């Protein structure tokens, strides 16, 4: 499945910036900072959904913060933190339909098969 990426954001955590730069370069985009961590990143997701209606954005983050964002998008409390798996390099794909996030992939690592 091919998506036209409009923006690449990076959470302000170590090691995420290098990955974000590589991804943004692939699409000819500049990396933009995403506020964070924790609740600020969750609130930023809501802002991005409004700002980028009908657009595809990529957010690069560490696994722990990715879990927080997935929980937010699924409207689950932080007490469910351990129920969301996030492997390094995993992809989570959400589509906002009529203002409601729909999970298409969570913790997908198929792009890594054969590399590790």
PDB file of N, CA and C in Angstrom:
ATOM      1  N   UNK A   1       0.839  -1.170   0.000  1.00  0.00           N
ATOM      2  CA  UNK A   1       0.000   0.000   0.000  1.00  0.00           C
ATOM      3  C   UNK A   1       0.892   1.243   0.000  1.00  0.00           C
ATOM      4  N   UNK A   2       0.620   2.160  -0.854  1.00  0.00           N
ATOM      5  CA  UNK A   2       1.434   3.373  -1.011  1.00  0.00           C
ATOM      6  C   UNK A   2       0.664   4.580  -0.472  1.00  0.00           C
ATOM      7  N   UNK A   3       1.339   5.398   0.330  1.00  0.00           N
ATOM      8  CA  UNK A   3       0.728   6.595   0.895  1.00  0.00           C
ATOM      9  C   UNK A   3       1.531   7.815   0.478  1.00  0.00           C
ATOM     10  N   UNK A   4       0.858   8.912   0.183  1.00  0.00           N
ATOM     11  CA  UNK A   4       1.532  10.176  -0.090  1.00  0.00           C
ATOM     12  C   UNK A   4       1.726  10.870   1.247  1.00  0.00           C
ATOM     13  N   UNK A   5       2.965  10.928   1.697  1.00  0.00           N
ATOM     14  CA  UNK A   5       3.283  11.475   3.008  1.00  0.00           C
ATOM     15  C   UNK A   5       3.406  12.990   2.917  1.00  0.00           C
ATOM     16  N   UNK A   6       2.685  13.693   3.787  1.00  0.00           N
ATOM     17  CA  UNK A   6       2.679  15.153   3.803  1.00  0.00           C
ATOM     18  C   UNK A   6       3.655  15.740   4.799  1.00  0.00           C
ATOM     19  N   UNK A   7       3.943  15.008   5.881  1.00  0.00           N
ATOM     20  CA  UNK A   7       4.812  15.546   6.930  1.00  0.00           C
ATOM     21  C   UNK A   7       5.428  14.405   7.731  1.00  0.00           C
ATOM     22  N   UNK A   8       6.613  14.690   8.275  1.00  0.00           N
ATOM     23  CA  UNK A   8       7.297  13.759   9.175  1.00  0.00           C
ATOM     24  C   UNK A   8       7.585  14.505  10.467  1.00  0.00           C
ATOM     25  N   UNK A   9       7.108  13.949  11.571  1.00  0.00           N
ATOM     26  CA  UNK A   9       7.320  14.531  12.893  1.00  0.00           C
ATOM     27  C   UNK A   9       8.194  13.596  13.712  1.00  0.00           C
ATOM     28  N   UNK A  10       8.926  14.184  14.649  1.00  0.00           N
ATOM     29  CA  UNK A  10       9.763  13.384  15.541  1.00  0.00           C
ATOM     30  C   UNK A  10       9.498  13.802  16.974  1.00  0.00           C
ATOM     31  N   UNK A  11       9.380  12.805  17.844  1.00  0.00           N
ATOM     32  CA  UNK A  11       9.235  13.060  19.266  1.00  0.00           C
ATOM     33  C   UNK A  11      10.614  13.375  19.827  1.00  0.00           C
ATOM     34  N   UNK A  12      10.687  14.307  20.768  1.00  0.00           N
ATOM     35  CA  UNK A  12      11.994  14.737  21.291  1.00  0.00           C
ATOM     36  C   UNK A  12      12.609  13.728  22.255  1.00  0.00           C
ATOM     37  N   UNK A  13      13.005  12.598  21.720  1.00  0.00           N
ATOM     38  CA  UNK A  13      13.643  11.560  22.514  1.00  0.00           C
ATOM     39  C   UNK A  13      14.902  11.095  21.792  1.00  0.00           C
ATOM     40  N   UNK A  14      15.902  10.615  22.545  1.00  0.00           N
ATOM     41  CA  UNK A  14      17.152  10.192  21.918  1.00  0.00           C
ATOM     42  C   UNK A  14      16.938   9.129  20.832  1.00  0.00           C
ATOM     43  N   UNK A  15      17.730   9.197  19.793  1.00  0.00           N
ATOM     44  CA  UNK A  15      17.794   8.234  18.685  1.00  0.00           C
ATOM     45  C   UNK A  15      16.653   8.343  17.688  1.00  0.00           C
ATOM     46  N   UNK A  16      15.554   8.995  18.035  1.00  0.00           N
ATOM     47  CA  UNK A  16      14.433   9.095  17.103  1.00  0.00           C
ATOM     48  C   UNK A  16      14.745  10.049  15.958  1.00  0.00           C
ATOM     49  N   UNK A  17      15.545  11.078  16.205  1.00  0.00           N
ATOM     50  CA  UNK A  17      15.814  12.090  15.186  1.00  0.00           C
ATOM     51  C   UNK A  17      16.536  11.515  13.969  1.00  0.00           C
ATOM     52  N   UNK A  18      17.524  10.662  14.196  1.00  0.00           N
ATOM     53  CA  UNK A  18      18.268  10.077  13.073  1.00  0.00           C
ATOM     54  C   UNK A  18      17.340   9.265  12.162  1.00  0.00           C
ATOM     55  N   UNK A  19      16.488   8.464  12.765  1.00  0.00           N
ATOM     56  CA  UNK A  19      15.529   7.681  11.987  1.00  0.00           C
ATOM     57  C   UNK A  19      14.569   8.600  11.238  1.00  0.00           C
ATOM     58  N   UNK A  20      14.092   9.637  11.912  1.00  0.00           N
ATOM     59  CA  UNK A  20      13.165  10.582  11.277  1.00  0.00           C
ATOM     60  C   UNK A  20      13.817  11.271  10.078  1.00  0.00           C
ATOM     61  N   UNK A  21      15.089  11.622  10.188  1.00  0.00           N
ATOM     62  CA  UNK A  21      15.801  12.273   9.082  1.00  0.00           C
ATOM     63  C   UNK A  21      15.878  11.338   7.867  1.00  0.00           C
ATOM     64  N   UNK A  22      16.142  10.075   8.109  1.00  0.00           N
ATOM     65  CA  UNK A  22      16.225   9.095   7.017  1.00  0.00           C
ATOM     66  C   UNK A  22      14.867   8.962   6.329  1.00  0.00           C
ATOM     67  N   UNK A  23      13.817   8.845   7.126  1.00  0.00           N
ATOM     68  CA  UNK A  23      12.468   8.699   6.565  1.00  0.00           C
ATOM     69  C   UNK A  23      12.055   9.952   5.814  1.00  0.00           C
ATOM     70  N   UNK A  24      12.274  11.123   6.404  1.00  0.00           N
ATOM     71  CA  UNK A  24      11.891  12.372   5.756  1.00  0.00           C
ATOM     72  C   UNK A  24      12.634  12.556   4.436  1.00  0.00           C
ATOM     73  N   UNK A  25      13.908  12.177   4.408  1.00  0.00           N
ATOM     74  CA  UNK A  25      14.694  12.275   3.178  1.00  0.00           C
ATOM     75  C   UNK A  25      14.095  11.450   2.051  1.00  0.00           C
ATOM     76  N   UNK A  26      13.544  10.313   2.394  1.00  0.00           N
ATOM     77  CA  UNK A  26      12.911   9.437   1.395  1.00  0.00           C
ATOM     78  C   UNK A  26      11.737  10.119   0.693  1.00  0.00           C
ATOM     79  N   UNK A  27      11.065  11.017   1.424  1.00  0.00           N
ATOM     80  CA  UNK A  27       9.905  11.713   0.888  1.00  0.00           C
ATOM     81  C   UNK A  27      10.198  13.165   0.508  1.00  0.00           C
ATOM     82  N   UNK A  28      11.459  13.587   0.619  1.00  0.00           N
ATOM     83  CA  UNK A  28      11.830  14.958   0.295  1.00  0.00           C
ATOM     84  C   UNK A  28      11.224  15.973   1.252  1.00  0.00           C
ATOM     85  N   UNK A  29      11.084  15.601   2.523  1.00  0.00           N
ATOM     86  CA  UNK A  29      10.467  16.462   3.528  1.00  0.00           C
ATOM     87  C   UNK A  29      11.460  16.831   4.622  1.00  0.00           C
ATOM     88  N   UNK A  30      11.141  17.861   5.366  1.00  0.00           N
ATOM     89  CA  UNK A  30      11.906  18.260   6.535  1.00  0.00           C
ATOM     90  C   UNK A  30      11.240  17.680   7.780  1.00  0.00           C
ATOM     91  N   UNK A  31      12.027  17.273   8.747  1.00  0.00           N
ATOM     92  CA  UNK A  31      11.498  16.748  10.006  1.00  0.00           C
ATOM     93  C   UNK A  31      10.990  17.917  10.849  1.00  0.00           C
ATOM     94  N   UNK A  32       9.818  17.729  11.423  1.00  0.00           N
ATOM     95  CA  UNK A  32       9.231  18.729  12.309  1.00  0.00           C
ATOM     96  C   UNK A  32       9.146  18.160  13.718  1.00  0.00           C
ATOM     97  N   UNK A  33       9.398  18.976  14.739  1.00  0.00           N
ATOM     98  CA  UNK A  33       9.325  18.466  16.116  1.00  0.00           C
ATOM     99  C   UNK A  33       7.880  18.277  16.570  1.00  0.00           C
ATOM    100  N   UNK A  34       7.668  17.234  17.335  1.00  0.00           N
ATOM    101  CA  UNK A  34       6.371  16.979  17.957  1.00  0.00           C
ATOM    102  C   UNK A  34       6.552  17.184  19.448  1.00  0.00           C
ATOM    103  N   UNK A  35       5.691  17.991  20.078  1.00  0.00           N
ATOM    104  CA  UNK A  35       5.836  18.179  21.526  1.00  0.00           C
ATOM    105  C   UNK A  35       5.702  16.860  22.255  1.00  0.00           C
ATOM    106  N   UNK A  36       6.336  16.740  23.363  1.00  0.00           N
ATOM    107  CA  UNK A  36       6.256  15.509  24.138  1.00  0.00           C
ATOM    108  C   UNK A  36       7.141  15.627  25.344  1.00  0.00           C
ATOM    109  N   UNK A  37       7.333  14.625  26.107  1.00  0.00           N
ATOM    110  CA  UNK A  37       6.691  13.316  25.993  1.00  0.00           C
ATOM    111  C   UNK A  37       5.346  13.252  26.710  1.00  0.00           C
ATOM    112  N   UNK A  38       4.774  12.077  26.741  1.00  0.00           N
ATOM    113  CA  UNK A  38       3.570  11.800  27.515  1.00  0.00           C
ATOM    114  C   UNK A  38       2.346  12.543  27.033  1.00  0.00           C
ATOM    115  N   UNK A  39       1.670  13.213  27.942  1.00  0.00           N
ATOM    116  CA  UNK A  39       0.401  13.857  27.623  1.00  0.00           C
ATOM    117  C   UNK A  39       0.546  14.908  26.535  1.00  0.00           C
ATOM    118  N   UNK A  40       1.687  15.607  26.482  1.00  0.00           N
ATOM    119  CA  UNK A  40       1.872  16.619  25.433  1.00  0.00           C
ATOM    120  C   UNK A  40       1.863  15.960  24.062  1.00  0.00           C
ATOM    121  N   UNK A  41       2.463  14.776  23.938  1.00  0.00           N
ATOM    122  CA  UNK A  41       2.475  14.069  22.660  1.00  0.00           C
ATOM    123  C   UNK A  41       1.070  13.606  22.302  1.00  0.00           C
ATOM    124  N   UNK A  42       0.307  13.170  23.289  1.00  0.00           N
ATOM    125  CA  UNK A  42      -1.064  12.744  23.034  1.00  0.00           C
ATOM    126  C   UNK A  42      -1.898  13.914  22.542  1.00  0.00           C
ATOM    127  N   UNK A  43      -1.755  15.072  23.161  1.00  0.00           N
ATOM    128  CA  UNK A  43      -2.483  16.265  22.721  1.00  0.00           C
ATOM    129  C   UNK A  43      -2.034  16.683  21.328  1.00  0.00           C
ATOM    130  N   UNK A  44      -0.745  16.521  21.040  1.00  0.00           N
ATOM    131  CA  UNK A  44      -0.231  16.870  19.708  1.00  0.00           C
ATOM    132  C   UNK A  44      -0.870  15.994  18.628  1.00  0.00           C
ATOM    133  N   UNK A  45      -1.173  14.737  18.952  1.00  0.00           N
ATOM    134  CA  UNK A  45      -1.847  13.857  17.987  1.00  0.00           C
ATOM    135  C   UNK A  45      -3.203  14.432  17.581  1.00  0.00           C
ATOM    136  N   UNK A  46      -3.934  14.938  18.552  1.00  0.00           N
ATOM    137  CA  UNK A  46      -5.227  15.543  18.256  1.00  0.00           C
ATOM    138  C   UNK A  46      -5.063  16.746  17.333  1.00  0.00           C
ATOM    139  N   UNK A  47      -4.045  17.564  17.615  1.00  0.00           N
ATOM    140  CA  UNK A  47      -3.773  18.731  16.767  1.00  0.00           C
ATOM    141  C   UNK A  47      -3.395  18.309  15.349  1.00  0.00           C
ATOM    142  N   UNK A  48      -2.577  17.264  15.229  1.00  0.00           N
ATOM    143  CA  UNK A  48      -2.166  16.798  13.901  1.00  0.00           C
ATOM    144  C   UNK A  48      -3.351  16.259  13.107  1.00  0.00           C
ATOM    145  N   UNK A  49      -4.277  15.589  13.779  1.00  0.00           N
ATOM    146  CA  UNK A  49      -5.458  15.055  13.090  1.00  0.00           C
ATOM    147  C   UNK A  49      -6.285  16.186  12.476  1.00  0.00           C
ATOM    148  N   UNK A  50      -6.322  17.325  13.155  1.00  0.00           N
ATOM    149  CA  UNK A  50      -7.055  18.480  12.638  1.00  0.00           C
ATOM    150  C   UNK A  50      -6.235  19.179  11.551  1.00  0.00           C
ATOM    151  N   UNK A  51      -4.956  19.367  11.819  1.00  0.00           N
ATOM    152  CA  UNK A  51      -4.077  20.088  10.889  1.00  0.00           C
ATOM    153  C   UNK A  51      -3.885  19.343   9.566  1.00  0.00           C
ATOM    154  N   UNK A  52      -3.841  18.033   9.621  1.00  0.00           N
ATOM    155  CA  UNK A  52      -3.546  17.221   8.438  1.00  0.00           C
ATOM    156  C   UNK A  52      -4.733  16.363   8.012  1.00  0.00           C
ATOM    157  N   UNK A  53      -5.916  16.942   7.997  1.00  0.00           N
ATOM    158  CA  UNK A  53      -7.100  16.192   7.552  1.00  0.00           C
ATOM    159  C   UNK A  53      -6.853  15.635   6.159  1.00  0.00           C
ATOM    160  N   UNK A  54      -7.179  14.354   5.989  1.00  0.00           N
ATOM    161  CA  UNK A  54      -7.051  13.654   4.704  1.00  0.00           C
ATOM    162  C   UNK A  54      -5.616  13.621   4.189  1.00  0.00           C
ATOM    163  N   UNK A  55      -4.646  13.741   5.087  1.00  0.00           N
ATOM    164  CA  UNK A  55      -3.235  13.650   4.721  1.00  0.00           C
ATOM    165  C   UNK A  55      -2.578  12.538   5.535  1.00  0.00           C
ATOM    166  N   UNK A  56      -1.454  12.058   5.049  1.00  0.00           N
ATOM    167  CA  UNK A  56      -0.675  11.048   5.751  1.00  0.00           C
ATOM    168  C   UNK A  56       0.514  11.711   6.412  1.00  0.00           C
ATOM    169  N   UNK A  57       0.674  11.476   7.698  1.00  0.00           N
ATOM    170  CA  UNK A  57       1.837  11.971   8.425  1.00  0.00           C
ATOM    171  C   UNK A  57       2.531  10.792   9.087  1.00  0.00           C
ATOM    172  N   UNK A  58       3.834  10.937   9.270  1.00  0.00           N
ATOM    173  CA  UNK A  58       4.639   9.931   9.957  1.00  0.00           C
ATOM    174  C   UNK A  58       5.144  10.553  11.245  1.00  0.00           C
ATOM    175  N   UNK A  59       5.030   9.806  12.334  1.00  0.00           N
ATOM    176  CA  UNK A  59       5.575  10.237  13.615  1.00  0.00           C
ATOM    177  C   UNK A  59       6.607   9.198  14.027  1.00  0.00           C
ATOM    178  N   UNK A  60       7.823   9.642  14.249  1.00  0.00           N
ATOM    179  CA  UNK A  60       8.914   8.750  14.658  1.00  0.00           C
ATOM    180  C   UNK A  60       9.118   8.930  16.154  1.00  0.00           C
ATOM    181  N   UNK A  61       9.148   7.811  16.870  1.00  0.00           N
ATOM    182  CA  UNK A  61       9.245   7.865  18.323  1.00  0.00           C
ATOM    183  C   UNK A  61       9.935   6.624  18.860  1.00  0.00           C
ATOM    184  N   UNK A  62      10.222   6.666  20.137  1.00  0.00           N
ATOM    185  CA  UNK A  62      10.721   5.495  20.855  1.00  0.00           C
ATOM    186  C   UNK A  62       9.529   4.582  21.173  1.00  0.00           C
ATOM    187  N   UNK A  63       9.754   3.277  21.363  1.00  0.00           N
ATOM    188  CA  UNK A  63       8.642   2.359  21.635  1.00  0.00           C
ATOM    189  C   UNK A  63       7.753   2.767  22.819  1.00  0.00           C
ATOM    190  N   UNK A  64       8.345   3.230  23.906  1.00  0.00           N
ATOM    191  CA  UNK A  64       7.546   3.576  25.086  1.00  0.00           C
ATOM    192  C   UNK A  64       6.562   4.710  24.789  1.00  0.00           C
ATOM    193  N   UNK A  65       7.011   5.713  24.092  1.00  0.00           N
ATOM    194  CA  UNK A  65       6.121   6.823  23.753  1.00  0.00           C
ATOM    195  C   UNK A  65       5.117   6.415  22.680  1.00  0.00           C
ATOM    196  N   UNK A  66       5.514   5.503  21.803  1.00  0.00           N
ATOM    197  CA  UNK A  66       4.570   4.985  20.810  1.00  0.00           C
ATOM    198  C   UNK A  66       3.389   4.305  21.492  1.00  0.00           C
ATOM    199  N   UNK A  67       3.655   3.582  22.570  1.00  0.00           N
ATOM    200  CA  UNK A  67       2.575   2.925  23.316  1.00  0.00           C
ATOM    201  C   UNK A  67       1.609   3.969  23.851  1.00  0.00           C
ATOM    202  N   UNK A  68       2.142   5.049  24.398  1.00  0.00           N
ATOM    203  CA  UNK A  68       1.286   6.112  24.936  1.00  0.00           C
ATOM    204  C   UNK A  68       0.419   6.703  23.830  1.00  0.00           C
ATOM    205  N   UNK A  69       0.997   6.895  22.647  1.00  0.00           N
ATOM    206  CA  UNK A  69       0.221   7.447  21.538  1.00  0.00           C
ATOM    207  C   UNK A  69      -0.843   6.458  21.061  1.00  0.00           C
ATOM    208  N   UNK A  70      -0.506   5.165  20.996  1.00  0.00           N
ATOM    209  CA  UNK A  70      -1.485   4.151  20.593  1.00  0.00           C
ATOM    210  C   UNK A  70      -2.642   4.122  21.593  1.00  0.00           C
ATOM    211  N   UNK A  71      -2.323   4.141  22.889  1.00  0.00           N
ATOM    212  CA  UNK A  71      -3.369   4.152  23.911  1.00  0.00           C
ATOM    213  C   UNK A  71      -4.284   5.360  23.731  1.00  0.00           C
ATOM    214  N   UNK A  72      -3.687   6.511  23.467  1.00  0.00           N
ATOM    215  CA  UNK A  72      -4.480   7.728  23.266  1.00  0.00           C
ATOM    216  C   UNK A  72      -5.407   7.584  22.058  1.00  0.00           C
ATOM    217  N   UNK A  73      -4.871   7.085  20.965  1.00  0.00           N
ATOM    218  CA  UNK A  73      -5.675   6.937  19.755  1.00  0.00           C
ATOM    219  C   UNK A  73      -6.797   5.916  19.919  1.00  0.00           C
ATOM    220  N   UNK A  74      -6.565   4.914  20.771  1.00  0.00           N
ATOM    221  CA  UNK A  74      -7.581   3.902  21.031  1.00  0.00           C
ATOM    222  C   UNK A  74      -8.494   4.276  22.202  1.00  0.00           C
ATOM    223  N   UNK A  75      -8.270   5.459  22.773  1.00  0.00           N
ATOM    224  CA  UNK A  75      -9.058   5.946  23.914  1.00  0.00           C
ATOM    225  C   UNK A  75      -8.981   4.983  25.096  1.00  0.00           C
ATOM    226  N   UNK A  76      -7.773   4.461  25.336  1.00  0.00           N
ATOM    227  CA  UNK A  76      -7.552   3.568  26.465  1.00  0.00           C
ATOM    228  C   UNK A  76      -6.736   4.275  27.534  1.00  0.00           C
ATOM    229  N   UNK A  77      -6.996   3.964  28.778  1.00  0.00           N
ATOM    230  CA  UNK A  77      -6.292   4.535  29.909  1.00  0.00           C
ATOM    231  C   UNK A  77      -4.852   4.009  29.964  1.00  0.00           C
ATOM    232  N   UNK A  78      -3.988   4.769  30.593  1.00  0.00           N
ATOM    233  CA  UNK A  78      -2.565   4.404  30.725  1.00  0.00           C
ATOM    234  C   UNK A  78      -2.406   3.076  31.483  1.00  0.00           C
ATOM    235  N   UNK A  79      -3.405   2.661  32.252  1.00  0.00           N
ATOM    236  CA  UNK A  79      -3.305   1.388  32.975  1.00  0.00           C
ATOM    237  C   UNK A  79      -3.209   0.202  32.015  1.00  0.00           C
ATOM    238  N   UNK A  80      -3.528   0.413  30.738  1.00  0.00           N
ATOM    239  CA  UNK A  80      -3.424  -0.645  29.725  1.00  0.00           C
ATOM    240  C   UNK A  80      -2.065  -0.653  29.029  1.00  0.00           C
ATOM    241  N   UNK A  81      -1.114   0.100  29.561  1.00  0.00           N
ATOM    242  CA  UNK A  81       0.207   0.261  28.944  1.00  0.00           C
ATOM    243  C   UNK A  81       0.853  -1.081  28.579  1.00  0.00           C
ATOM    244  N   UNK A  82       0.837  -2.021  29.474  1.00  0.00           N
ATOM    245  CA  UNK A  82       1.510  -3.309  29.250  1.00  0.00           C
ATOM    246  C   UNK A  82       0.776  -4.206  28.252  1.00  0.00           C
ATOM    247  N   UNK A  83      -0.406  -3.817  27.827  1.00  0.00           N
ATOM    248  CA  UNK A  83      -1.175  -4.621  26.880  1.00  0.00           C
ATOM    249  C   UNK A  83      -0.868  -4.264  25.424  1.00  0.00           C
ATOM    250  N   UNK A  84      -0.067  -3.229  25.208  1.00  0.00           N
ATOM    251  CA  UNK A  84       0.301  -2.805  23.856  1.00  0.00           C
ATOM    252  C   UNK A  84       1.772  -3.136  23.633  1.00  0.00           C
ATOM    253  N   UNK A  85       2.044  -4.035  22.701  1.00  0.00           N
ATOM    254  CA  UNK A  85       3.424  -4.400  22.368  1.00  0.00           C
ATOM    255  C   UNK A  85       3.979  -3.393  21.355  1.00  0.00           C
ATOM    256  N   UNK A  86       5.230  -3.010  21.542  1.00  0.00           N
ATOM    257  CA  UNK A  86       5.911  -2.134  20.601  1.00  0.00           C
ATOM    258  C   UNK A  86       7.361  -2.588  20.466  1.00  0.00           C
ATOM    259  N   UNK A  87       7.636  -3.307  19.387  1.00  0.00           N
ATOM    260  CA  UNK A  87       9.003  -3.736  19.117  1.00  0.00           C
ATOM    261  C   UNK A  87       9.766  -2.595  18.474  1.00  0.00           C
ATOM    262  N   UNK A  88      11.097  -2.553  18.660  1.00  0.00           N
ATOM    263  CA  UNK A  88      11.885  -1.520  17.971  1.00  0.00           C
ATOM    264  C   UNK A  88      11.683  -1.618  16.463  1.00  0.00           C
ATOM    265  N   UNK A  89      11.463  -0.491  15.838  1.00  0.00           N
ATOM    266  CA  UNK A  89      11.272  -0.450  14.386  1.00  0.00           C
ATOM    267  C   UNK A  89       9.865  -0.791  13.934  1.00  0.00           C
ATOM    268  N   UNK A  90       8.952  -1.017  14.874  1.00  0.00           N
ATOM    269  CA  UNK A  90       7.577  -1.379  14.524  1.00  0.00           C
ATOM    270  C   UNK A  90       6.822  -0.187  13.947  1.00  0.00           C
ATOM    271  N   UNK A  91       5.830  -0.493  13.137  1.00  0.00           N
ATOM    272  CA  UNK A  91       4.981   0.520  12.522  1.00  0.00           C
ATOM    273  C   UNK A  91       3.564   0.374  13.068  1.00  0.00           C
ATOM    274  N   UNK A  92       2.984   1.520  13.438  1.00  0.00           N
ATOM    275  CA  UNK A  92       1.571   1.595  13.807  1.00  0.00           C
ATOM    276  C   UNK A  92       0.906   2.469  12.762  1.00  0.00           C
ATOM    277  N   UNK A  93      -0.189   2.013  12.201  1.00  0.00           N
ATOM    278  CA  UNK A  93      -0.871   2.773  11.160  1.00  0.00           C
ATOM    279  C   UNK A  93      -2.313   3.009  11.590  1.00  0.00           C
ATOM    280  N   UNK A  94      -2.650   4.282  11.697  1.00  0.00           N
ATOM    281  CA  UNK A  94      -4.005   4.680  12.057  1.00  0.00           C
ATOM    282  C   UNK A  94      -4.555   5.556  10.943  1.00  0.00           C
ATOM    283  N   UNK A  95      -5.853   5.435  10.742  1.00  0.00           N
ATOM    284  CA  UNK A  95      -6.553   6.300   9.800  1.00  0.00           C
ATOM    285  C   UNK A  95      -7.668   6.976  10.579  1.00  0.00           C
ATOM    286  N   UNK A  96      -7.771   8.296  10.423  1.00  0.00           N
ATOM    287  CA  UNK A  96      -8.834   9.018  11.102  1.00  0.00           C
ATOM    288  C   UNK A  96     -10.020   9.085  10.149  1.00  0.00           C
ATOM    289  N   UNK A  97     -11.101   8.447  10.558  1.00  0.00           N
ATOM    290  CA  UNK A  97     -12.318   8.395   9.752  1.00  0.00           C
ATOM    291  C   UNK A  97     -13.425   9.120  10.504  1.00  0.00           C
ATOM    292  N   UNK A  98     -13.916  10.192   9.905  1.00  0.00           N
ATOM    293  CA  UNK A  98     -14.988  10.976  10.528  1.00  0.00           C
ATOM    294  C   UNK A  98     -14.610  11.407  11.940  1.00  0.00           C
ATOM    295  N   UNK A  99     -13.335  11.763  12.120  1.00  0.00           N
ATOM    296  CA  UNK A  99     -12.849  12.235  13.409  1.00  0.00           C
ATOM    297  C   UNK A  99     -12.509  11.144  14.407  1.00  0.00           C
ATOM    298  N   UNK A 100     -12.641   9.885  14.018  1.00  0.00           N
ATOM    299  CA  UNK A 100     -12.380   8.774  14.928  1.00  0.00           C
ATOM    300  C   UNK A 100     -11.189   7.967  14.408  1.00  0.00           C
ATOM    301  N   UNK A 101     -10.126   7.805  15.220  1.00  0.00           N
ATOM    302  CA  UNK A 101      -8.983   6.999  14.781  1.00  0.00           C
ATOM    303  C   UNK A 101      -9.343   5.522  14.663  1.00  0.00           C
ATOM    304  N   UNK A 102      -8.950   4.918  13.554  1.00  0.00           N
ATOM    305  CA  UNK A 102      -9.133   3.483  13.332  1.00  0.00           C
ATOM    306  C   UNK A 102      -7.758   2.845  13.192  1.00  0.00           C
ATOM    307  N   UNK A 103      -7.497   1.795  13.972  1.00  0.00           N
ATOM    308  CA  UNK A 103      -6.215   1.108  13.920  1.00  0.00           C
ATOM    309  C   UNK A 103      -6.189   0.166  12.724  1.00  0.00           C
ATOM    310  N   UNK A 104      -5.230   0.363  11.820  1.00  0.00           N
ATOM    311  CA  UNK A 104      -5.051  -0.525  10.680  1.00  0.00           C
ATOM    312  C   UNK A 104      -3.939  -1.527  10.955  1.00  0.00           C
ATOM    313  N   UNK A 105      -2.846  -1.066  11.599  1.00  0.00           N
ATOM    314  CA  UNK A 105      -1.750  -1.941  12.027  1.00  0.00           C
ATOM    315  C   UNK A 105      -1.260  -1.451  13.379  1.00  0.00           C
ATOM    316  N   UNK A 106      -0.926  -2.388  14.251  1.00  0.00           N
ATOM    317  CA  UNK A 106      -0.264  -2.059  15.509  1.00  0.00           C
ATOM    318  C   UNK A 106       0.896  -3.028  15.670  1.00  0.00           C
ATOM    319  N   UNK A 107       2.081  -2.476  15.923  1.00  0.00           N
ATOM    320  CA  UNK A 107       3.303  -3.255  16.139  1.00  0.00           C
ATOM    321  C   UNK A 107       3.675  -4.112  14.928  1.00  0.00           C
ATOM    322  N   UNK A 108       3.487  -3.584  13.745  1.00  0.00           N
ATOM    323  CA  UNK A 108       3.805  -4.313  12.513  1.00  0.00           C
ATOM    324  C   UNK A 108       5.313  -4.249  12.249  1.00  0.00           C
ATOM    325  N   UNK A 109       5.935  -5.397  12.089  1.00  0.00           N
ATOM    326  CA  UNK A 109       7.376  -5.454  11.812  1.00  0.00           C
ATOM    327  C   UNK A 109       7.678  -6.218  10.524  1.00  0.00           C
ATOM    328  N   UNK A 110       6.687  -6.387   9.655  1.00  0.00           N
ATOM    329  CA  UNK A 110       6.899  -7.182   8.435  1.00  0.00           C
ATOM    330  C   UNK A 110       7.978  -6.573   7.540  1.00  0.00           C
ATOM    331  N   UNK A 111       8.167  -5.257   7.599  1.00  0.00           N
ATOM    332  CA  UNK A 111       9.195  -4.605   6.783  1.00  0.00           C
ATOM    333  C   UNK A 111      10.612  -4.973   7.244  1.00  0.00           C
ATOM    334  N   UNK A 112      10.741  -5.568   8.405  1.00  0.00           N
ATOM    335  CA  UNK A 112      12.055  -5.941   8.947  1.00  0.00           C
ATOM    336  C   UNK A 112      12.429  -7.390   8.641  1.00  0.00           C
ATOM    337  N   UNK A 113      11.492  -8.181   8.149  1.00  0.00           N
ATOM    338  CA  UNK A 113      11.767  -9.595   7.884  1.00  0.00           C
ATOM    339  C   UNK A 113      12.915  -9.720   6.868  1.00  0.00           C
ATOM    340  N   UNK A 114      13.849 -10.549   7.193  1.00  0.00           N
ATOM    341  CA  UNK A 114      15.016 -10.740   6.334  1.00  0.00           C
ATOM    342  C   UNK A 114      16.148  -9.794   6.661  1.00  0.00           C
ATOM    343  N   UNK A 115      15.890  -8.758   7.453  1.00  0.00           N
ATOM    344  CA  UNK A 115      16.941  -7.801   7.824  1.00  0.00           C
ATOM    345  C   UNK A 115      17.598  -8.152   9.141  1.00  0.00           C
ATOM    346  N   UNK A 116      16.852  -8.840   9.994  1.00  0.00           N
ATOM    347  CA  UNK A 116      17.399  -9.178  11.323  1.00  0.00           C
ATOM    348  C   UNK A 116      17.281 -10.663  11.567  1.00  0.00           C
TER     349      UNK A 116
END
